[in-house]
Amino acid sequence: MRRLVLILLASCLLIPAGAVAVQQLPGDGTLAVDNARGLVTVRARGGIIGRFDSGRITIDDPIEGDGSLPRVYGADRIIELSPTTKLYKGEDVRFRLIGGTYRVTIQGWGMDISAVGRGTVLLDGSGFSEQPGRFSINGDDYQAMPDTPTKYTLGEGPSQGQDKGPQGPSPHGP
């Protein structure tokens, strides 16, 4: 009985410590994408989780062992583009990368994405005049997906859109 009480007491003390470990660090920013259509590229150090109804996700994890391995569920096709980059295609696809440096590009419909960390975000909802979805960056109010490629800073720095125009994502990592 004494052993059971000690185990329960220890577990009660360890749970709050574990909860603190996943909190956002000072200077980290946030991205929330809600039921969006179009393109989302996140080049950052931190974590990202999400899903989409239909589309593709390209994951570049350039530094082996600096975070957990990328996890992707539900992809119909997986194509290795390079030793550090894979393309996943399908419907009802879910993904997560926790910790480390990464570059993730999602093109699809019904995207729900959450990211925490530092880096850049490129959003493009062009071609979807009706219900393009919405996003929030660094805790700002939600707004409609931009109708031109728009770059944002994730984390410290301005959260206002920058570099608007017809530029695509850079082929280089963060």
C-alpha atoms as a PDB file:
ATOM      1  CA  MET A   1       0.000   0.000   0.000  1.00  0.00           C
ATOM      2  CA  ARG A   2       2.825   2.367   0.904  1.00  0.00           C
ATOM      3  CA  ARG A   3       4.464   1.648  -2.468  1.00  0.00           C
ATOM      4  CA  LEU A   4       1.205   2.501  -4.325  1.00  0.00           C
ATOM      5  CA  VAL A   5       0.936   5.847  -2.499  1.00  0.00           C
ATOM      6  CA  LEU A   6       4.547   6.694  -3.403  1.00  0.00           C
ATOM      7  CA  ILE A   7       3.949   5.823  -7.065  1.00  0.00           C
ATOM      8  CA  LEU A   8       0.818   7.995  -7.215  1.00  0.00           C
ATOM      9  CA  LEU A   9       2.587  10.890  -5.493  1.00  0.00           C
ATOM     10  CA  ALA A  10       5.565  10.633  -7.862  1.00  0.00           C
ATOM     11  CA  SER A  11       3.327  10.549 -10.938  1.00  0.00           C
ATOM     12  CA  CYS A  12       1.422  13.640  -9.740  1.00  0.00           C
ATOM     13  CA  LEU A  13       4.699  15.510  -9.415  1.00  0.00           C
ATOM     14  CA  LEU A  14       6.078  14.379 -12.788  1.00  0.00           C
ATOM     15  CA  ILE A  15       3.018  15.226 -14.926  1.00  0.00           C
ATOM     16  CA  PRO A  16       3.238  19.005 -14.359  1.00  0.00           C
ATOM     17  CA  ALA A  17       6.988  18.904 -15.081  1.00  0.00           C
ATOM     18  CA  GLY A  18       6.317  17.156 -18.413  1.00  0.00           C
ATOM     19  CA  ALA A  19       3.611  19.660 -19.312  1.00  0.00           C
ATOM     20  CA  VAL A  20       6.051  22.548 -18.797  1.00  0.00           C
ATOM     21  CA  ALA A  21       8.571  20.890 -21.132  1.00  0.00           C
ATOM     22  CA  VAL A  22       6.306  21.291 -24.201  1.00  0.00           C
ATOM     23  CA  GLN A  23       5.573  24.974 -23.688  1.00  0.00           C
ATOM     24  CA  GLN A  24       6.613  27.573 -26.209  1.00  0.00           C
ATOM     25  CA  LEU A  25      10.094  29.042 -25.628  1.00  0.00           C
ATOM     26  CA  PRO A  26      10.704  32.808 -25.407  1.00  0.00           C
ATOM     27  CA  GLY A  27      10.934  34.245 -28.910  1.00  0.00           C
ATOM     28  CA  ASP A  28       9.047  31.374 -30.545  1.00  0.00           C
ATOM     29  CA  GLY A  29       6.135  32.221 -32.791  1.00  0.00           C
ATOM     30  CA  THR A  30       2.996  30.357 -33.720  1.00  0.00           C
ATOM     31  CA  LEU A  31       1.112  29.545 -36.898  1.00  0.00           C
ATOM     32  CA  ALA A  32      -2.457  28.271 -37.017  1.00  0.00           C
ATOM     33  CA  VAL A  33      -4.071  27.416 -40.359  1.00  0.00           C
ATOM     34  CA  ASP A  34      -7.774  26.539 -40.326  1.00  0.00           C
ATOM     35  CA  ASN A  35      -9.557  24.686 -43.152  1.00  0.00           C
ATOM     36  CA  ALA A  36      -7.408  26.335 -45.814  1.00  0.00           C
ATOM     37  CA  ARG A  37      -6.852  25.735 -49.521  1.00  0.00           C
ATOM     38  CA  GLY A  38      -3.670  26.544 -51.368  1.00  0.00           C
ATOM     39  CA  LEU A  39      -0.018  26.438 -50.377  1.00  0.00           C
ATOM     40  CA  VAL A  40       1.660  26.626 -46.957  1.00  0.00           C
ATOM     41  CA  THR A  41       5.455  26.489 -46.621  1.00  0.00           C
ATOM     42  CA  VAL A  42       7.067  26.536 -43.185  1.00  0.00           C
ATOM     43  CA  ARG A  43      10.855  26.834 -42.883  1.00  0.00           C
ATOM     44  CA  ALA A  44      11.610  26.774 -39.189  1.00  0.00           C
ATOM     45  CA  ARG A  45      13.174  25.272 -36.125  1.00  0.00           C
ATOM     46  CA  GLY A  46      10.486  23.949 -33.797  1.00  0.00           C
ATOM     47  CA  GLY A  47       7.479  21.707 -34.266  1.00  0.00           C
ATOM     48  CA  ILE A  48       4.628  21.331 -36.735  1.00  0.00           C
ATOM     49  CA  ILE A  49       1.561  19.104 -36.771  1.00  0.00           C
ATOM     50  CA  GLY A  50      -1.326  19.032 -39.180  1.00  0.00           C
ATOM     51  CA  ARG A  51      -3.618  17.327 -41.614  1.00  0.00           C
ATOM     52  CA  PHE A  52      -5.252  17.887 -44.982  1.00  0.00           C
ATOM     53  CA  ASP A  53      -8.235  16.412 -46.788  1.00  0.00           C
ATOM     54  CA  SER A  54      -6.486  16.036 -50.137  1.00  0.00           C
ATOM     55  CA  GLY A  55      -3.106  17.101 -51.452  1.00  0.00           C
ATOM     56  CA  ARG A  56       0.608  16.649 -51.043  1.00  0.00           C
ATOM     57  CA  ILE A  57       3.267  17.418 -48.487  1.00  0.00           C
ATOM     58  CA  THR A  58       6.994  17.707 -49.101  1.00  0.00           C
ATOM     59  CA  ILE A  59       9.177  17.343 -46.014  1.00  0.00           C
ATOM     60  CA  ASP A  60      12.850  18.273 -45.976  1.00  0.00           C
ATOM     61  CA  ASP A  61      14.536  17.270 -42.699  1.00  0.00           C
ATOM     62  CA  PRO A  62      18.125  18.381 -43.430  1.00  0.00           C
ATOM     63  CA  ILE A  63      19.768  17.708 -40.052  1.00  0.00           C
ATOM     64  CA  GLU A  64      19.582  14.062 -39.008  1.00  0.00           C
ATOM     65  CA  GLY A  65      18.877  13.540 -35.315  1.00  0.00           C
ATOM     66  CA  ASP A  66      18.071  17.150 -34.349  1.00  0.00           C
ATOM     67  CA  GLY A  67      14.423  16.285 -33.624  1.00  0.00           C
ATOM     68  CA  SER A  68      12.044  13.389 -33.909  1.00  0.00           C
ATOM     69  CA  LEU A  69      11.716  11.709 -37.292  1.00  0.00           C
ATOM     70  CA  PRO A  70       8.894  13.043 -39.472  1.00  0.00           C
ATOM     71  CA  ARG A  71       5.693  11.029 -39.063  1.00  0.00           C
ATOM     72  CA  VAL A  72       3.164  10.940 -41.918  1.00  0.00           C
ATOM     73  CA  TYR A  73       0.002   8.834 -41.844  1.00  0.00           C
ATOM     74  CA  GLY A  74      -2.492   8.121 -44.625  1.00  0.00           C
ATOM     75  CA  ALA A  75      -0.320   8.884 -47.672  1.00  0.00           C
ATOM     76  CA  ASP A  76      -1.168   6.855 -50.791  1.00  0.00           C
ATOM     77  CA  ARG A  77       2.201   7.568 -52.436  1.00  0.00           C
ATOM     78  CA  ILE A  78       5.635   8.304 -51.001  1.00  0.00           C
ATOM     79  CA  ILE A  79       8.411   9.518 -53.284  1.00  0.00           C
ATOM     80  CA  GLU A  80      11.994   9.994 -52.073  1.00  0.00           C
ATOM     81  CA  LEU A  81      13.257  13.179 -53.735  1.00  0.00           C
ATOM     82  CA  SER A  82      16.655  13.207 -51.981  1.00  0.00           C
ATOM     83  CA  PRO A  83      18.238  11.600 -48.910  1.00  0.00           C
ATOM     84  CA  THR A  84      16.617  14.294 -46.719  1.00  0.00           C
ATOM     85  CA  THR A  85      13.416  15.055 -48.672  1.00  0.00           C
ATOM     86  CA  LYS A  86      10.253  13.027 -49.244  1.00  0.00           C
ATOM     87  CA  LEU A  87       6.993  13.804 -51.029  1.00  0.00           C
ATOM     88  CA  TYR A  88       3.755  12.324 -49.665  1.00  0.00           C
ATOM     89  CA  LYS A  89       0.464  12.378 -51.624  1.00  0.00           C
ATOM     90  CA  GLY A  90      -3.004  11.331 -50.620  1.00  0.00           C
ATOM     91  CA  GLU A  91      -6.299  11.984 -48.932  1.00  0.00           C
ATOM     92  CA  ASP A  92      -6.877  12.434 -45.199  1.00  0.00           C
ATOM     93  CA  VAL A  93      -3.132  12.725 -44.552  1.00  0.00           C
ATOM     94  CA  ARG A  94      -1.817  13.579 -41.065  1.00  0.00           C
ATOM     95  CA  PHE A  95       1.734  14.620 -40.198  1.00  0.00           C
ATOM     96  CA  ARG A  96       4.007  15.771 -37.387  1.00  0.00           C
ATOM     97  CA  LEU A  97       7.594  16.915 -36.938  1.00  0.00           C
ATOM     98  CA  ILE A  98       8.611  17.695 -33.376  1.00  0.00           C
ATOM     99  CA  GLY A  99      11.852  19.550 -32.716  1.00  0.00           C
ATOM    100  CA  GLY A 100      14.682  20.270 -35.081  1.00  0.00           C
ATOM    101  CA  THR A 101      15.018  22.210 -38.302  1.00  0.00           C
ATOM    102  CA  TYR A 102      12.693  21.448 -41.173  1.00  0.00           C
ATOM    103  CA  ARG A 103      11.093  22.722 -44.349  1.00  0.00           C
ATOM    104  CA  VAL A 104       7.541  21.588 -45.002  1.00  0.00           C
ATOM    105  CA  THR A 105       5.458  22.511 -48.058  1.00  0.00           C
ATOM    106  CA  ILE A 106       1.790  21.545 -48.102  1.00  0.00           C
ATOM    107  CA  GLN A 107      -0.407  21.989 -51.178  1.00  0.00           C
ATOM    108  CA  GLY A 108      -3.966  20.937 -50.678  1.00  0.00           C
ATOM    109  CA  TRP A 109      -7.529  21.380 -49.515  1.00  0.00           C
ATOM    110  CA  GLY A 110      -8.904  21.232 -46.007  1.00  0.00           C
ATOM    111  CA  MET A 111      -5.561  22.027 -44.373  1.00  0.00           C
ATOM    112  CA  ASP A 112      -5.390  22.350 -40.588  1.00  0.00           C
ATOM    113  CA  ILE A 113      -1.854  23.144 -39.443  1.00  0.00           C
ATOM    114  CA  SER A 114      -0.239  24.242 -36.179  1.00  0.00           C
ATOM    115  CA  ALA A 115       3.415  25.237 -35.850  1.00  0.00           C
ATOM    116  CA  VAL A 116       5.567  26.622 -33.042  1.00  0.00           C
ATOM    117  CA  GLY A 117       9.129  27.856 -33.492  1.00  0.00           C
ATOM    118  CA  ARG A 118      11.270  30.368 -35.309  1.00  0.00           C
ATOM    119  CA  GLY A 119      11.592  30.807 -39.047  1.00  0.00           C
ATOM    120  CA  THR A 120       9.496  31.878 -42.017  1.00  0.00           C
ATOM    121  CA  VAL A 121       6.091  31.008 -43.408  1.00  0.00           C
ATOM    122  CA  LEU A 122       4.888  31.420 -46.986  1.00  0.00           C
ATOM    123  CA  LEU A 123       1.116  31.393 -47.487  1.00  0.00           C
ATOM    124  CA  ASP A 124      -0.706  31.417 -50.822  1.00  0.00           C
ATOM    125  CA  GLY A 125      -4.456  30.945 -51.192  1.00  0.00           C
ATOM    126  CA  SER A 126      -4.562  32.217 -54.785  1.00  0.00           C
ATOM    127  CA  GLY A 127      -7.069  30.585 -57.081  1.00  0.00           C
ATOM    128  CA  PHE A 128      -9.615  30.054 -54.299  1.00  0.00           C
ATOM    129  CA  SER A 129     -11.957  33.036 -54.180  1.00  0.00           C
ATOM    130  CA  GLU A 130     -14.582  31.186 -52.133  1.00  0.00           C
ATOM    131  CA  GLN A 131     -13.664  29.937 -48.671  1.00  0.00           C
ATOM    132  CA  PRO A 132      -9.861  29.983 -48.979  1.00  0.00           C
ATOM    133  CA  GLY A 133      -9.556  29.257 -45.248  1.00  0.00           C
ATOM    134  CA  ARG A 134      -7.944  31.364 -42.581  1.00  0.00           C
ATOM    135  CA  PHE A 135      -4.733  31.674 -40.613  1.00  0.00           C
ATOM    136  CA  SER A 136      -3.238  33.327 -37.558  1.00  0.00           C
ATOM    137  CA  ILE A 137       0.434  34.161 -37.157  1.00  0.00           C
ATOM    138  CA  ASN A 138       2.166  34.828 -33.819  1.00  0.00           C
ATOM    139  CA  GLY A 139      -1.144  35.054 -31.948  1.00  0.00           C
ATOM    140  CA  ASP A 140      -2.637  37.766 -34.175  1.00  0.00           C
ATOM    141  CA  ASP A 141      -6.313  37.640 -35.127  1.00  0.00           C
ATOM    142  CA  TYR A 142      -7.387  35.162 -37.806  1.00  0.00           C
ATOM    143  CA  GLN A 143      -7.552  36.455 -41.373  1.00  0.00           C
ATOM    144  CA  ALA A 144      -8.324  34.983 -44.781  1.00  0.00           C
ATOM    145  CA  MET A 145      -5.546  33.201 -46.633  1.00  0.00           C
ATOM    146  CA  PRO A 146      -3.735  35.723 -48.850  1.00  0.00           C
ATOM    147  CA  ASP A 147      -4.518  35.646 -52.559  1.00  0.00           C
ATOM    148  CA  THR A 148      -0.861  36.185 -53.513  1.00  0.00           C
ATOM    149  CA  PRO A 149       2.241  34.452 -52.116  1.00  0.00           C
ATOM    150  CA  THR A 150       2.946  36.255 -48.837  1.00  0.00           C
ATOM    151  CA  LYS A 151       5.886  35.687 -46.517  1.00  0.00           C
ATOM    152  CA  TYR A 152       5.632  36.015 -42.710  1.00  0.00           C
ATOM    153  CA  THR A 153       8.123  35.760 -39.866  1.00  0.00           C
ATOM    154  CA  LEU A 154       7.441  33.052 -37.320  1.00  0.00           C
ATOM    155  CA  GLY A 155       8.662  34.191 -33.925  1.00  0.00           C
ATOM    156  CA  GLU A 156      10.502  37.328 -32.962  1.00  0.00           C
ATOM    157  CA  GLY A 157      10.174  40.075 -35.500  1.00  0.00           C
ATOM    158  CA  PRO A 158       7.278  41.635 -37.394  1.00  0.00           C
ATOM    159  CA  SER A 159       4.241  39.476 -38.002  1.00  0.00           C
ATOM    160  CA  GLN A 160       2.964  41.574 -40.884  1.00  0.00           C
ATOM    161  CA  GLY A 161       3.136  40.201 -44.422  1.00  0.00           C
ATOM    162  CA  GLN A 162       6.333  40.858 -46.312  1.00  0.00           C
ATOM    163  CA  ASP A 163       7.677  40.232 -49.782  1.00  0.00           C
ATOM    164  CA  LYS A 164       4.281  40.039 -51.476  1.00  0.00           C
ATOM    165  CA  GLY A 165       4.492  39.005 -55.037  1.00  0.00           C
ATOM    166  CA  PRO A 166       4.770  36.083 -57.390  1.00  0.00           C
ATOM    167  CA  GLN A 167       7.794  34.487 -55.796  1.00  0.00           C
ATOM    168  CA  GLY A 168       7.926  30.837 -54.884  1.00  0.00           C
ATOM    169  CA  PRO A 169       9.583  29.212 -51.917  1.00  0.00           C
ATOM    170  CA  SER A 170      13.378  29.097 -51.866  1.00  0.00           C
ATOM    171  CA  PRO A 171      14.938  25.718 -52.667  1.00  0.00           C
ATOM    172  CA  HIS A 172      17.301  26.174 -49.706  1.00  0.00           C
ATOM    173  CA  GLY A 173      16.631  25.098 -46.115  1.00  0.00           C
ATOM    174  CA  PRO A 174      16.087  27.540 -43.219  1.00  0.00           C
END
